């Protein structure tokens, strides 16, 4: 029928991906919590006192690792994806040259394919970064365990620490840099507030 709306395969794939991610986001934590509670109860993990330098050192180390991952993904993907991307860019540029002026604002099929190709490349890069980040985290680089008493942590905590640290590393150095900036800004604000309170509470001579 003429009034029926055609749903593109890309839209269907995106909907299925969102549904799958929502399902995994609910099932994985629920299964993990059930498994741990079934084996033994979860005890509260103590938060030890750690200086500001330890946090900055941890974030700096994670930033360096994230930079390594970004560069490694770029080196691995560039030979596989860059030649095709360059060909598609050149084809789109040539088609623009011969396109009539009245159609210059139209989006060409080649340009649509180029946008889809770049989106697919970003997905590949994200998956490769996530795989590398989780592998590095599983080998011993842990974000949460470096801040808490890992001896009192259960298996679920260690698994989630690997997932969380791997995802943060896959997110790139920019995200970690923002975390470091927010943390240092908060600590500086807290220090200024404490200094102001001490100044007010001190009696005048």
C-alpha atoms as a PDB file:
ATOM      1  CA  UNK A   1       0.000   0.000   0.000  1.00  0.00           C
ATOM      2  CA  UNK A   2       1.115   3.545  -0.721  1.00  0.00           C
ATOM      3  CA  UNK A   3       0.452   4.750   2.846  1.00  0.00           C
ATOM      4  CA  UNK A   4       2.615   2.094   4.446  1.00  0.00           C
ATOM      5  CA  UNK A   5       5.850   3.401   5.882  1.00  0.00           C
ATOM      6  CA  UNK A   6       9.005   1.537   4.968  1.00  0.00           C
ATOM      7  CA  UNK A   7      11.266   0.799   7.911  1.00  0.00           C
ATOM      8  CA  UNK A   8      14.927   0.712   6.988  1.00  0.00           C
ATOM      9  CA  UNK A   9      17.068  -2.252   8.097  1.00  0.00           C
ATOM     10  CA  UNK A  10      19.370   0.182   9.880  1.00  0.00           C
ATOM     11  CA  UNK A  11      16.526   1.454  12.074  1.00  0.00           C
ATOM     12  CA  UNK A  12      15.437  -2.093  12.877  1.00  0.00           C
ATOM     13  CA  UNK A  13      19.005  -3.032  13.774  1.00  0.00           C
ATOM     14  CA  UNK A  14      19.330   0.036  16.013  1.00  0.00           C
ATOM     15  CA  UNK A  15      16.061  -0.834  17.823  1.00  0.00           C
ATOM     16  CA  UNK A  16      17.233  -4.413  18.376  1.00  0.00           C
ATOM     17  CA  UNK A  17      20.581  -3.190  19.682  1.00  0.00           C
ATOM     18  CA  UNK A  18      18.908  -0.833  22.161  1.00  0.00           C
ATOM     19  CA  UNK A  19      16.559  -3.592  23.321  1.00  0.00           C
ATOM     20  CA  UNK A  20      19.457  -6.021  23.727  1.00  0.00           C
ATOM     21  CA  UNK A  21      21.493  -3.514  25.731  1.00  0.00           C
ATOM     22  CA  UNK A  22      18.540  -2.790  28.015  1.00  0.00           C
ATOM     23  CA  UNK A  23      18.006  -6.493  28.582  1.00  0.00           C
ATOM     24  CA  UNK A  24      21.661  -7.120  29.379  1.00  0.00           C
ATOM     25  CA  UNK A  25      21.779  -4.094  31.676  1.00  0.00           C
ATOM     26  CA  UNK A  26      18.993  -5.658  33.753  1.00  0.00           C
ATOM     27  CA  UNK A  27      19.835  -9.352  33.546  1.00  0.00           C
ATOM     28  CA  UNK A  28      23.586  -9.289  34.209  1.00  0.00           C
ATOM     29  CA  UNK A  29      23.467  -7.360  37.541  1.00  0.00           C
ATOM     30  CA  UNK A  30      20.366  -9.261  38.676  1.00  0.00           C
ATOM     31  CA  UNK A  31      21.984 -12.624  37.962  1.00  0.00           C
ATOM     32  CA  UNK A  32      25.227 -11.574  39.631  1.00  0.00           C
ATOM     33  CA  UNK A  33      23.526 -10.330  42.789  1.00  0.00           C
ATOM     34  CA  UNK A  34      21.395 -13.485  42.998  1.00  0.00           C
ATOM     35  CA  UNK A  35      24.450 -15.699  42.545  1.00  0.00           C
ATOM     36  CA  UNK A  36      26.469 -13.924  45.233  1.00  0.00           C
ATOM     37  CA  UNK A  37      23.594 -13.808  47.722  1.00  0.00           C
ATOM     38  CA  UNK A  38      22.924 -17.478  47.108  1.00  0.00           C
ATOM     39  CA  UNK A  39      26.527 -18.415  47.889  1.00  0.00           C
ATOM     40  CA  UNK A  40      27.125 -16.054  50.799  1.00  0.00           C
ATOM     41  CA  UNK A  41      25.893 -12.685  52.084  1.00  0.00           C
ATOM     42  CA  UNK A  42      27.553  -9.480  50.900  1.00  0.00           C
ATOM     43  CA  UNK A  43      29.465  -7.517  53.540  1.00  0.00           C
ATOM     44  CA  UNK A  44      30.010  -3.791  53.441  1.00  0.00           C
ATOM     45  CA  UNK A  45      33.332  -2.815  51.882  1.00  0.00           C
ATOM     46  CA  UNK A  46      35.226  -0.245  53.993  1.00  0.00           C
ATOM     47  CA  UNK A  47      36.439   2.982  52.413  1.00  0.00           C
ATOM     48  CA  UNK A  48      40.010   3.560  53.585  1.00  0.00           C
ATOM     49  CA  UNK A  49      41.459   7.018  53.896  1.00  0.00           C
ATOM     50  CA  UNK A  50      43.490   7.872  50.813  1.00  0.00           C
ATOM     51  CA  UNK A  51      45.246  11.138  49.985  1.00  0.00           C
ATOM     52  CA  UNK A  52      44.489  13.222  46.956  1.00  0.00           C
ATOM     53  CA  UNK A  53      47.798  12.258  45.338  1.00  0.00           C
ATOM     54  CA  UNK A  54      46.709   8.600  45.184  1.00  0.00           C
ATOM     55  CA  UNK A  55      43.567   9.483  43.204  1.00  0.00           C
ATOM     56  CA  UNK A  56      45.478  11.713  40.813  1.00  0.00           C
ATOM     57  CA  UNK A  57      48.095   9.004  40.352  1.00  0.00           C
ATOM     58  CA  UNK A  58      45.429   6.379  39.620  1.00  0.00           C
ATOM     59  CA  UNK A  59      43.623   8.582  37.097  1.00  0.00           C
ATOM     60  CA  UNK A  60      46.908   9.553  35.447  1.00  0.00           C
ATOM     61  CA  UNK A  61      47.824   5.906  35.009  1.00  0.00           C
ATOM     62  CA  UNK A  62      44.413   5.095  33.525  1.00  0.00           C
ATOM     63  CA  UNK A  63      44.707   8.063  31.154  1.00  0.00           C
ATOM     64  CA  UNK A  64      48.049   6.778  29.864  1.00  0.00           C
ATOM     65  CA  UNK A  65      46.600   3.286  29.339  1.00  0.00           C
ATOM     66  CA  UNK A  66      43.576   4.759  27.544  1.00  0.00           C
ATOM     67  CA  UNK A  67      45.929   6.664  25.221  1.00  0.00           C
ATOM     68  CA  UNK A  68      47.728   3.404  24.435  1.00  0.00           C
ATOM     69  CA  UNK A  69      44.390   1.729  23.645  1.00  0.00           C
ATOM     70  CA  UNK A  70      43.262   4.593  21.414  1.00  0.00           C
ATOM     71  CA  UNK A  71      46.483   4.491  19.430  1.00  0.00           C
ATOM     72  CA  UNK A  72      46.418   0.691  19.163  1.00  0.00           C
ATOM     73  CA  UNK A  73      42.835   0.699  17.851  1.00  0.00           C
ATOM     74  CA  UNK A  74      43.722   3.407  15.351  1.00  0.00           C
ATOM     75  CA  UNK A  75      46.729   1.438  14.085  1.00  0.00           C
ATOM     76  CA  UNK A  76      44.712  -1.785  13.799  1.00  0.00           C
ATOM     77  CA  UNK A  77      41.715  -0.240  12.036  1.00  0.00           C
ATOM     78  CA  UNK A  78      43.430   2.232   9.723  1.00  0.00           C
ATOM     79  CA  UNK A  79      44.743  -0.313   7.186  1.00  0.00           C
ATOM     80  CA  UNK A  80      41.377  -2.059   7.044  1.00  0.00           C
ATOM     81  CA  UNK A  81      39.013   0.902   6.883  1.00  0.00           C
ATOM     82  CA  UNK A  82      40.919   3.996   5.730  1.00  0.00           C
ATOM     83  CA  UNK A  83      41.433   3.022   2.042  1.00  0.00           C
ATOM     84  CA  UNK A  84      37.723   2.368   1.501  1.00  0.00           C
ATOM     85  CA  UNK A  85      36.827   5.578   3.328  1.00  0.00           C
ATOM     86  CA  UNK A  86      39.191   7.592   1.118  1.00  0.00           C
ATOM     87  CA  UNK A  87      37.714   6.080  -2.042  1.00  0.00           C
ATOM     88  CA  UNK A  88      34.172   6.914  -0.912  1.00  0.00           C
ATOM     89  CA  UNK A  89      35.198  10.479  -0.056  1.00  0.00           C
ATOM     90  CA  UNK A  90      36.805  10.970  -3.473  1.00  0.00           C
ATOM     91  CA  UNK A  91      33.765   9.498  -5.241  1.00  0.00           C
ATOM     92  CA  UNK A  92      31.408  11.810  -3.350  1.00  0.00           C
ATOM     93  CA  UNK A  93      33.644  14.800  -4.124  1.00  0.00           C
ATOM     94  CA  UNK A  94      33.646  13.980  -7.849  1.00  0.00           C
ATOM     95  CA  UNK A  95      29.873  13.528  -7.892  1.00  0.00           C
ATOM     96  CA  UNK A  96      29.461  16.929  -6.257  1.00  0.00           C
ATOM     97  CA  UNK A  97      31.488  18.547  -9.030  1.00  0.00           C
ATOM     98  CA  UNK A  98      29.223  17.239 -11.815  1.00  0.00           C
ATOM     99  CA  UNK A  99      25.975  17.698  -9.869  1.00  0.00           C
ATOM    100  CA  UNK A 100      23.605  20.374 -11.232  1.00  0.00           C
ATOM    101  CA  UNK A 101      23.379  23.538  -9.170  1.00  0.00           C
ATOM    102  CA  UNK A 102      19.711  23.001  -8.310  1.00  0.00           C
ATOM    103  CA  UNK A 103      20.587  19.689  -6.625  1.00  0.00           C
ATOM    104  CA  UNK A 104      23.674  20.834  -4.772  1.00  0.00           C
ATOM    105  CA  UNK A 105      21.940  20.611  -1.369  1.00  0.00           C
ATOM    106  CA  UNK A 106      20.833  17.009  -1.851  1.00  0.00           C
ATOM    107  CA  UNK A 107      22.519  14.227   0.073  1.00  0.00           C
ATOM    108  CA  UNK A 108      24.029  11.804  -2.413  1.00  0.00           C
ATOM    109  CA  UNK A 109      23.803   8.040  -2.067  1.00  0.00           C
ATOM    110  CA  UNK A 110      27.577   7.884  -1.843  1.00  0.00           C
ATOM    111  CA  UNK A 111      27.533  10.375   1.026  1.00  0.00           C
ATOM    112  CA  UNK A 112      24.898   8.309   2.833  1.00  0.00           C
ATOM    113  CA  UNK A 113      27.049   5.229   2.390  1.00  0.00           C
ATOM    114  CA  UNK A 114      30.039   7.186   3.679  1.00  0.00           C
ATOM    115  CA  UNK A 115      28.144   8.248   6.815  1.00  0.00           C
ATOM    116  CA  UNK A 116      27.052   4.647   7.414  1.00  0.00           C
ATOM    117  CA  UNK A 117      30.604   3.427   6.811  1.00  0.00           C
ATOM    118  CA  UNK A 118      32.023   5.892   9.359  1.00  0.00           C
ATOM    119  CA  UNK A 119      29.383   4.864  11.884  1.00  0.00           C
ATOM    120  CA  UNK A 120      30.300   1.220  11.403  1.00  0.00           C
ATOM    121  CA  UNK A 121      33.973   2.067  11.842  1.00  0.00           C
ATOM    122  CA  UNK A 122      33.191   3.844  15.118  1.00  0.00           C
ATOM    123  CA  UNK A 123      31.316   0.773  16.325  1.00  0.00           C
ATOM    124  CA  UNK A 124      34.272  -1.441  15.425  1.00  0.00           C
ATOM    125  CA  UNK A 125      36.633   0.926  17.242  1.00  0.00           C
ATOM    126  CA  UNK A 126      34.383   0.971  20.293  1.00  0.00           C
ATOM    127  CA  UNK A 127      34.180  -2.829  20.448  1.00  0.00           C
ATOM    128  CA  UNK A 128      37.933  -3.211  19.969  1.00  0.00           C
ATOM    129  CA  UNK A 129      38.612  -0.613  22.657  1.00  0.00           C
ATOM    130  CA  UNK A 130      36.197  -2.343  25.026  1.00  0.00           C
ATOM    131  CA  UNK A 131      37.819  -5.721  24.405  1.00  0.00           C
ATOM    132  CA  UNK A 132      41.311  -4.340  24.985  1.00  0.00           C
ATOM    133  CA  UNK A 133      40.202  -2.367  28.050  1.00  0.00           C
ATOM    134  CA  UNK A 134      38.564  -5.385  29.682  1.00  0.00           C
ATOM    135  CA  UNK A 135      41.544  -7.602  28.865  1.00  0.00           C
ATOM    136  CA  UNK A 136      43.908  -5.096  30.481  1.00  0.00           C
ATOM    137  CA  UNK A 137      41.597  -4.716  33.469  1.00  0.00           C
ATOM    138  CA  UNK A 138      41.292  -8.486  33.879  1.00  0.00           C
ATOM    139  CA  UNK A 139      45.098  -8.732  33.884  1.00  0.00           C
ATOM    140  CA  UNK A 140      45.255  -6.604  37.030  1.00  0.00           C
ATOM    141  CA  UNK A 141      44.496  -2.945  36.289  1.00  0.00           C
ATOM    142  CA  UNK A 142      41.490  -2.223  38.509  1.00  0.00           C
ATOM    143  CA  UNK A 143      39.975   1.172  39.187  1.00  0.00           C
ATOM    144  CA  UNK A 144      37.722   0.453  42.169  1.00  0.00           C
ATOM    145  CA  UNK A 145      39.980  -2.145  43.779  1.00  0.00           C
ATOM    146  CA  UNK A 146      42.759   0.457  43.882  1.00  0.00           C
ATOM    147  CA  UNK A 147      40.560   2.680  46.061  1.00  0.00           C
ATOM    148  CA  UNK A 148      38.932   0.086  48.318  1.00  0.00           C
ATOM    149  CA  UNK A 149      40.009  -2.848  50.427  1.00  0.00           C
ATOM    150  CA  UNK A 150      39.964  -5.520  47.725  1.00  0.00           C
ATOM    151  CA  UNK A 151      40.487  -8.317  50.263  1.00  0.00           C
ATOM    152  CA  UNK A 152      36.947  -7.879  51.576  1.00  0.00           C
ATOM    153  CA  UNK A 153      35.387  -7.710  48.112  1.00  0.00           C
ATOM    154  CA  UNK A 154      33.342 -10.561  46.676  1.00  0.00           C
ATOM    155  CA  UNK A 155      33.658 -12.140  43.244  1.00  0.00           C
ATOM    156  CA  UNK A 156      30.824 -10.018  41.864  1.00  0.00           C
ATOM    157  CA  UNK A 157      32.689  -6.852  42.832  1.00  0.00           C
ATOM    158  CA  UNK A 158      35.804  -8.015  41.002  1.00  0.00           C
ATOM    159  CA  UNK A 159      33.806  -8.873  37.884  1.00  0.00           C
ATOM    160  CA  UNK A 160      32.024  -5.514  37.921  1.00  0.00           C
ATOM    161  CA  UNK A 161      35.359  -3.772  38.545  1.00  0.00           C
ATOM    162  CA  UNK A 162      36.765  -5.400  35.395  1.00  0.00           C
ATOM    163  CA  UNK A 163      33.699  -4.372  33.379  1.00  0.00           C
ATOM    164  CA  UNK A 164      33.668  -0.823  34.730  1.00  0.00           C
ATOM    165  CA  UNK A 165      37.397  -0.224  34.381  1.00  0.00           C
ATOM    166  CA  UNK A 166      37.425  -1.759  30.904  1.00  0.00           C
ATOM    167  CA  UNK A 167      34.511   0.422  29.809  1.00  0.00           C
ATOM    168  CA  UNK A 168      36.194   3.560  31.194  1.00  0.00           C
ATOM    169  CA  UNK A 169      39.438   2.723  29.415  1.00  0.00           C
ATOM    170  CA  UNK A 170      37.518   2.099  26.190  1.00  0.00           C
ATOM    171  CA  UNK A 171      35.871   5.512  26.571  1.00  0.00           C
ATOM    172  CA  UNK A 172      39.194   7.190  25.885  1.00  0.00           C
ATOM    173  CA  UNK A 173      41.548   9.541  27.640  1.00  0.00           C
ATOM    174  CA  UNK A 174      39.232  12.561  27.284  1.00  0.00           C
ATOM    175  CA  UNK A 175      36.619  11.043  29.577  1.00  0.00           C
ATOM    176  CA  UNK A 176      39.209  10.170  32.194  1.00  0.00           C
ATOM    177  CA  UNK A 177      40.661  13.654  31.938  1.00  0.00           C
ATOM    178  CA  UNK A 178      37.209  15.114  32.641  1.00  0.00           C
ATOM    179  CA  UNK A 179      36.905  12.877  35.700  1.00  0.00           C
ATOM    180  CA  UNK A 180      40.284  14.103  36.942  1.00  0.00           C
ATOM    181  CA  UNK A 181      39.286  17.718  36.306  1.00  0.00           C
ATOM    182  CA  UNK A 182      35.989  17.331  38.184  1.00  0.00           C
ATOM    183  CA  UNK A 183      37.748  15.606  41.084  1.00  0.00           C
ATOM    184  CA  UNK A 184      40.497  18.214  41.433  1.00  0.00           C
ATOM    185  CA  UNK A 185      37.953  21.031  41.141  1.00  0.00           C
ATOM    186  CA  UNK A 186      35.805  19.471  43.864  1.00  0.00           C
ATOM    187  CA  UNK A 187      38.791  18.939  46.147  1.00  0.00           C
ATOM    188  CA  UNK A 188      39.976  22.528  45.641  1.00  0.00           C
ATOM    189  CA  UNK A 189      36.481  23.847  46.383  1.00  0.00           C
ATOM    190  CA  UNK A 190      36.259  21.712  49.524  1.00  0.00           C
ATOM    191  CA  UNK A 191      39.673  22.911  50.703  1.00  0.00           C
ATOM    192  CA  UNK A 192      38.701  26.554  50.193  1.00  0.00           C
ATOM    193  CA  UNK A 193      35.457  26.031  52.085  1.00  0.00           C
ATOM    194  CA  UNK A 194      37.296  24.453  55.029  1.00  0.00           C
ATOM    195  CA  UNK A 195      39.834  27.278  55.083  1.00  0.00           C
ATOM    196  CA  UNK A 196      37.014  29.840  55.084  1.00  0.00           C
ATOM    197  CA  UNK A 197      35.296  28.061  57.994  1.00  0.00           C
ATOM    198  CA  UNK A 198      38.534  27.966  59.987  1.00  0.00           C
ATOM    199  CA  UNK A 199      39.092  31.673  59.363  1.00  0.00           C
ATOM    200  CA  UNK A 200      35.575  32.529  60.557  1.00  0.00           C
ATOM    201  CA  UNK A 201      35.798  30.286  63.635  1.00  0.00           C
ATOM    202  CA  UNK A 202      39.122  31.723  64.792  1.00  0.00           C
ATOM    203  CA  UNK A 203      38.684  34.389  67.479  1.00  0.00           C
ATOM    204  CA  UNK A 204      39.949  37.868  66.754  1.00  0.00           C
ATOM    205  CA  UNK A 205      43.065  38.841  68.818  1.00  0.00           C
END
